[in-house]
Amino acid sequence: MPTAGSYFHLHLVSDSTGETLITVARAVAAQYANVTPVEHVYPLVRSQKQLDRVLAEIEEAPGIVLFTLLEKDLVERLEEKCKEINIPSLSIIGPVMQLFHAYLGASTTGRVGAQHTLNADYFKRIDALNYTMMHDDGQHVEGLEDADVVLVGVSRTSKTPTSIYLANRGIRTANVPLVLGIPLPAQLENLKKPLVVSLHATPERLIQVRQNRMLSIGASSSNDVYTDKQSVTDEVAFARRLSARYGWALLDVTRRSIEETAAAVMKLFADRQRQRVSE
């Protein structure tokens, strides 16, 4: 058993990409600040031979085993091995599938990686990613009207990573920096279709992030307006004035992760879509 401040082995066995397992495992592991998981990820495990190699590694470094396997023979073999060496194992999708079956009364297809098929949603995400990469950081403003969402904000308000996250959800997202003293692109001022969301943070938070950024690239931040408190405060006030003038949705990202910011934007976008349908 791991002790406080120690680590444990976490084995993630999947017959597909392993993304579901990794997401669930990290969400739970994040609740244990004093214990660090050592991840062992085994994607595309679809044969007994592949499973043999996995079992050998699990036996060499025992720990928690989580899996998303659909082939019954593989599941039984994995569970038997875990019982034999006395370590816990759990199917992440098994209980959910049982719940669906109980409610729907229908059998599953047993199709491995079914969520990754090349369907319309997949190509929608690819299109959104292509659009977002082309319209990052104020590029190609002539195409802003084709966006679903346009993010605006001063430097270091997480516009680019939030845009990419949204694009991965199929939302065509552009982002435009707000720079004190530089006029807005006319295309941004006259947008009709896209939802414009203005990302804000406190000056203290922006200064901290900017200083870290400058340190990471080996630049000096001394006497730099980029991290000067009054200058940053003026930038924040400037962005808020623009948001009020154009009626942009305001979102404070001071204490939000990228995922939380994106979730808040998606809610604003969904609310707007519903409102337009009802009108």
Protein backbone atom coordinates (compact mmCIF):
# COMPACT_ATOMS: atom_id res chain seq x y z
CA MET A 1 0.00 0.00 0.00
CA PRO A 2 1.38 3.46 -0.88
CA THR A 3 2.03 5.90 1.92
CA ALA A 4 1.60 9.68 1.98
CA GLY A 5 4.06 11.37 -0.34
CA SER A 6 4.79 8.15 -2.24
CA TYR A 7 3.74 6.74 -5.60
CA PHE A 8 1.75 3.82 -6.95
CA HIS A 9 1.56 2.01 -10.27
CA LEU A 10 -1.56 2.65 -12.35
CA HIS A 11 -2.10 0.27 -15.28
CA LEU A 12 -4.51 1.43 -18.00
CA VAL A 13 -5.43 -1.31 -20.46
CA SER A 14 -7.54 -0.48 -23.53
CA ASP A 15 -8.54 -2.13 -26.79
CA SER A 16 -8.76 1.34 -28.34
CA THR A 17 -6.80 4.57 -27.87
CA GLY A 18 -6.99 4.65 -24.06
CA GLU A 19 -8.24 8.25 -23.97
CA THR A 20 -11.29 7.38 -21.88
CA LEU A 21 -9.19 5.55 -19.32
CA ILE A 22 -6.61 8.28 -19.06
CA THR A 23 -9.27 10.96 -18.55
CA VAL A 24 -11.09 9.03 -15.83
CA ALA A 25 -7.93 7.90 -14.06
CA ARG A 26 -6.41 11.37 -13.96
CA ALA A 27 -9.64 12.93 -12.75
CA VAL A 28 -9.65 10.57 -9.77
CA ALA A 29 -5.89 10.64 -9.13
CA ALA A 30 -6.04 14.45 -8.95
CA GLN A 31 -8.00 14.10 -5.69
CA TYR A 32 -4.99 12.50 -3.99
CA ALA A 33 -2.41 15.26 -3.70
CA ASN A 34 0.11 13.30 -1.64
CA VAL A 35 0.24 10.17 -3.79
CA THR A 36 1.61 10.18 -7.34
CA PRO A 37 0.46 7.66 -9.95
CA VAL A 38 3.03 6.11 -12.26
CA GLU A 39 0.98 5.55 -15.40
CA HIS A 40 1.43 2.48 -17.58
CA VAL A 41 -0.78 2.89 -20.65
CA TYR A 42 -1.46 -0.07 -22.95
CA PRO A 43 -3.57 0.94 -25.98
CA LEU A 44 -4.86 -1.33 -28.77
CA VAL A 45 -4.77 -4.55 -26.72
CA ARG A 46 -6.86 -6.87 -28.90
CA SER A 47 -5.22 -10.29 -28.76
CA GLN A 48 -4.09 -12.81 -26.17
CA LYS A 49 -0.47 -12.28 -27.23
CA GLN A 50 -0.73 -8.53 -26.65
CA LEU A 51 -2.41 -9.15 -23.30
CA ASP A 52 0.40 -11.52 -22.27
CA ARG A 53 2.91 -8.67 -22.49
CA VAL A 54 0.60 -6.43 -20.46
CA LEU A 55 0.14 -9.05 -17.74
CA ALA A 56 3.89 -9.52 -17.46
CA GLU A 57 4.37 -5.79 -16.85
CA ILE A 58 1.50 -5.68 -14.33
CA GLU A 59 3.02 -8.58 -12.41
CA GLU A 60 6.41 -6.86 -12.41
CA ALA A 61 4.96 -3.59 -11.06
CA PRO A 62 1.71 -4.36 -9.20
CA GLY A 63 -0.81 -1.58 -8.66
CA ILE A 64 -4.33 -0.55 -9.67
CA VAL A 65 -5.58 -1.90 -13.00
CA LEU A 66 -8.30 -0.05 -14.94
CA PHE A 67 -9.43 -1.32 -18.30
CA THR A 68 -11.79 -0.79 -21.23
CA LEU A 69 -11.87 -4.15 -22.99
CA LEU A 70 -14.89 -5.55 -24.84
CA GLU A 71 -13.59 -9.04 -25.70
CA LYS A 72 -14.87 -11.35 -22.92
CA ASP A 73 -11.91 -13.74 -23.10
CA LEU A 74 -9.47 -10.87 -22.60
CA VAL A 75 -11.52 -9.45 -19.72
CA GLU A 76 -11.70 -12.80 -17.94
CA ARG A 77 -7.97 -13.43 -18.34
CA LEU A 78 -7.06 -9.98 -17.06
CA GLU A 79 -9.38 -10.24 -14.06
CA GLU A 80 -8.13 -13.75 -13.18
CA LYS A 81 -4.51 -12.57 -13.27
CA CYS A 82 -5.29 -9.60 -11.03
CA LYS A 83 -6.99 -11.89 -8.51
CA GLU A 84 -4.05 -14.27 -8.65
CA ILE A 85 -1.52 -11.57 -7.73
CA ASN A 86 -4.00 -9.89 -5.35
CA ILE A 87 -4.36 -6.45 -6.96
CA PRO A 88 -7.59 -4.52 -7.70
CA SER A 89 -8.99 -4.25 -11.22
CA LEU A 90 -12.04 -2.47 -12.60
CA SER A 91 -13.76 -2.15 -15.97
CA ILE A 92 -14.48 1.54 -16.52
CA ILE A 93 -17.21 1.01 -19.11
CA GLY A 94 -18.63 -2.31 -17.83
CA PRO A 95 -21.01 -0.85 -15.20
CA VAL A 96 -22.17 1.85 -17.62
CA MET A 97 -22.87 -0.72 -20.33
CA GLN A 98 -24.86 -2.81 -17.86
CA LEU A 99 -26.93 0.24 -16.93
CA PHE A 100 -27.62 0.99 -20.61
CA HIS A 101 -28.56 -2.63 -21.23
CA ALA A 102 -30.92 -2.70 -18.26
CA TYR A 103 -32.69 0.43 -19.44
CA LEU A 104 -32.66 -0.09 -23.20
CA GLY A 105 -33.04 -3.87 -23.20
CA ALA A 106 -30.79 -4.12 -26.24
CA SER A 107 -27.49 -5.87 -26.81
CA THR A 108 -24.29 -3.97 -27.60
CA THR A 109 -22.50 -4.30 -30.91
CA GLY A 110 -19.17 -5.06 -29.25
CA ARG A 111 -17.52 -2.71 -31.71
CA VAL A 112 -14.05 -1.70 -30.50
CA GLY A 113 -13.32 2.04 -30.70
CA ALA A 114 -16.83 2.79 -31.90
CA GLN A 115 -16.57 6.38 -30.63
CA HIS A 116 -13.65 7.02 -33.01
CA THR A 117 -15.42 6.16 -36.28
CA LEU A 118 -15.08 8.51 -39.26
CA ASN A 119 -18.60 9.90 -39.04
CA ALA A 120 -20.00 13.38 -39.61
CA ASP A 121 -19.06 14.51 -36.10
CA TYR A 122 -15.46 13.45 -36.67
CA PHE A 123 -15.15 15.48 -39.87
CA LYS A 124 -16.88 18.39 -38.15
CA ARG A 125 -14.11 18.39 -35.52
CA ILE A 126 -11.41 18.24 -38.20
CA ASP A 127 -13.01 21.18 -40.01
CA ALA A 128 -13.24 23.12 -36.74
CA LEU A 129 -9.57 22.45 -35.96
CA ASN A 130 -8.46 23.57 -39.41
CA TYR A 131 -10.52 26.75 -39.10
CA THR A 132 -9.24 27.47 -35.59
CA MET A 133 -5.58 27.04 -36.52
CA MET A 134 -6.06 29.39 -39.48
CA HIS A 135 -7.74 32.04 -37.31
CA ASP A 136 -5.49 31.99 -34.27
CA ASP A 137 -4.21 35.23 -32.71
CA GLY A 138 -6.00 37.61 -35.05
CA GLN A 139 -5.03 35.91 -38.31
CA HIS A 140 -7.35 36.05 -41.36
CA VAL A 141 -9.90 38.35 -39.73
CA GLU A 142 -11.78 38.45 -43.04
CA GLY A 143 -13.14 35.00 -42.15
CA LEU A 144 -14.39 35.80 -38.64
CA GLU A 145 -18.05 35.76 -39.67
CA ASP A 146 -17.70 32.03 -40.40
CA ALA A 147 -16.80 31.24 -36.77
CA ASP A 148 -19.16 29.77 -34.21
CA VAL A 149 -17.28 31.51 -31.40
CA VAL A 150 -14.76 34.35 -31.36
CA LEU A 151 -12.64 34.73 -28.24
CA VAL A 152 -11.12 38.12 -27.46
CA GLY A 153 -8.89 39.23 -24.63
CA VAL A 154 -5.57 40.75 -23.68
CA SER A 155 -2.37 38.71 -23.78
CA ARG A 156 -2.25 35.57 -21.58
CA THR A 157 -5.97 35.06 -21.06
CA SER A 158 -5.68 31.52 -22.55
CA LYS A 159 -7.33 32.38 -25.87
CA THR A 160 -5.37 29.92 -28.02
CA PRO A 161 -5.56 26.78 -25.84
CA THR A 162 -9.25 27.44 -25.17
CA SER A 163 -9.84 27.83 -28.91
CA ILE A 164 -8.16 24.52 -29.65
CA TYR A 165 -10.13 22.76 -26.91
CA LEU A 166 -13.39 24.12 -28.34
CA ALA A 167 -12.37 23.08 -31.85
CA ASN A 168 -11.86 19.56 -30.56
CA ARG A 169 -15.54 19.69 -29.61
CA GLY A 170 -16.48 20.71 -33.14
CA ILE A 171 -16.88 24.44 -32.45
CA ARG A 172 -15.22 26.66 -35.07
CA THR A 173 -13.33 29.15 -32.89
CA ALA A 174 -11.28 32.20 -33.78
CA ASN A 175 -9.41 34.40 -31.34
CA VAL A 176 -8.36 38.02 -31.56
CA PRO A 177 -6.00 39.81 -29.14
CA LEU A 178 -7.08 43.11 -27.60
CA VAL A 179 -4.10 45.46 -27.54
CA LEU A 180 -4.26 48.85 -25.85
CA GLY A 181 -3.79 51.62 -28.42
CA ILE A 182 -4.40 49.42 -31.46
CA PRO A 183 -7.79 49.74 -33.24
CA LEU A 184 -9.99 46.68 -33.51
CA PRO A 185 -10.33 45.00 -36.92
CA ALA A 186 -13.49 46.26 -38.59
CA GLN A 187 -14.60 42.65 -39.10
CA LEU A 188 -14.66 42.12 -35.32
CA GLU A 189 -16.74 45.22 -34.70
CA ASN A 190 -19.45 44.17 -37.17
CA LEU A 191 -19.92 40.46 -36.40
CA LYS A 192 -23.48 39.14 -36.63
CA LYS A 193 -23.39 35.32 -36.52
CA PRO A 194 -20.62 34.28 -34.06
CA LEU A 195 -20.81 34.44 -30.28
CA VAL A 196 -18.08 36.80 -29.07
CA VAL A 197 -16.71 36.00 -25.62
CA SER A 198 -14.32 38.36 -23.88
CA LEU A 199 -11.88 36.53 -21.57
CA HIS A 200 -10.75 38.48 -18.51
CA ALA A 201 -8.40 37.92 -15.58
CA THR A 202 -7.23 40.05 -12.68
CA PRO A 203 -4.09 42.15 -13.26
CA GLU A 204 -2.30 40.15 -10.53
CA ARG A 205 -3.02 36.86 -12.30
CA LEU A 206 -1.99 38.22 -15.69
CA ILE A 207 1.28 39.57 -14.30
CA GLN A 208 2.07 36.20 -12.72
CA VAL A 209 1.37 34.30 -15.95
CA ARG A 210 3.31 36.79 -18.06
CA GLN A 211 6.32 36.68 -15.76
CA ASN A 212 6.33 32.89 -15.92
CA ARG A 213 6.10 33.07 -19.70
CA MET A 214 9.05 35.44 -19.94
CA LEU A 215 11.11 33.27 -17.64
CA SER A 216 10.34 30.23 -19.77
CA ILE A 217 11.71 31.92 -22.88
CA GLY A 218 14.68 33.43 -21.04
CA ALA A 219 13.55 37.04 -21.35
CA SER A 220 13.99 39.72 -18.70
CA SER A 221 10.81 41.19 -17.20
CA SER A 222 12.39 44.10 -15.36
CA ASN A 223 10.88 47.49 -16.18
CA ASP A 224 8.78 45.92 -18.91
CA VAL A 225 5.31 47.35 -19.60
CA TYR A 226 4.21 43.80 -20.34
CA THR A 227 4.39 43.02 -16.62
CA ASP A 228 4.09 46.51 -15.15
CA LYS A 229 1.13 46.59 -12.77
CA GLN A 230 -0.30 49.92 -13.93
CA SER A 231 0.09 49.00 -17.59
CA VAL A 232 -1.62 45.64 -17.10
CA THR A 233 -4.40 47.29 -15.08
CA ASP A 234 -4.95 49.73 -17.95
CA GLU A 235 -5.12 46.81 -20.40
CA VAL A 236 -7.76 45.05 -18.31
CA ALA A 237 -9.85 48.24 -18.06
CA PHE A 238 -9.52 48.78 -21.81
CA ALA A 239 -10.78 45.24 -22.52
CA ARG A 240 -13.73 45.68 -20.19
CA ARG A 241 -14.71 48.96 -21.85
CA LEU A 242 -14.67 47.31 -25.27
CA SER A 243 -16.76 44.40 -23.96
CA ALA A 244 -19.38 46.79 -22.61
CA ARG A 245 -19.42 48.86 -25.80
CA TYR A 246 -19.99 45.88 -28.11
CA GLY A 247 -22.07 43.76 -25.77
CA TRP A 248 -19.64 40.84 -25.72
CA ALA A 249 -20.17 38.07 -23.19
CA LEU A 250 -17.75 38.42 -20.26
CA LEU A 251 -15.93 35.44 -18.77
CA ASP A 252 -13.49 35.70 -15.86
CA VAL A 253 -10.73 33.10 -16.32
CA THR A 254 -8.66 34.11 -13.29
CA ARG A 255 -9.20 30.84 -11.42
CA ARG A 256 -10.39 28.68 -14.30
CA SER A 257 -8.50 25.88 -16.01
CA ILE A 258 -8.63 25.63 -19.81
CA GLU A 259 -11.24 22.88 -19.51
CA GLU A 260 -13.41 24.96 -17.18
CA THR A 261 -13.14 28.01 -19.42
CA ALA A 262 -14.10 25.95 -22.48
CA ALA A 263 -17.04 24.40 -20.62
CA ALA A 264 -18.31 27.88 -19.68
CA VAL A 265 -17.98 29.04 -23.30
CA MET A 266 -19.82 25.94 -24.56
CA LYS A 267 -22.67 26.68 -22.15
CA LEU A 268 -22.89 30.26 -23.41
CA PHE A 269 -22.85 28.98 -26.99
CA ALA A 270 -25.56 26.36 -26.32
CA ASP A 271 -27.74 28.95 -24.54
CA ARG A 272 -27.39 31.28 -27.51
CA GLN A 273 -28.27 28.53 -29.98
CA ARG A 274 -31.42 27.66 -28.02
CA GLN A 275 -32.40 31.33 -27.84
CA ARG A 276 -32.04 31.72 -31.61
CA VAL A 277 -34.16 28.63 -32.26
CA SER A 278 -36.95 29.96 -30.03
CA GLU A 279 -36.99 33.37 -31.70
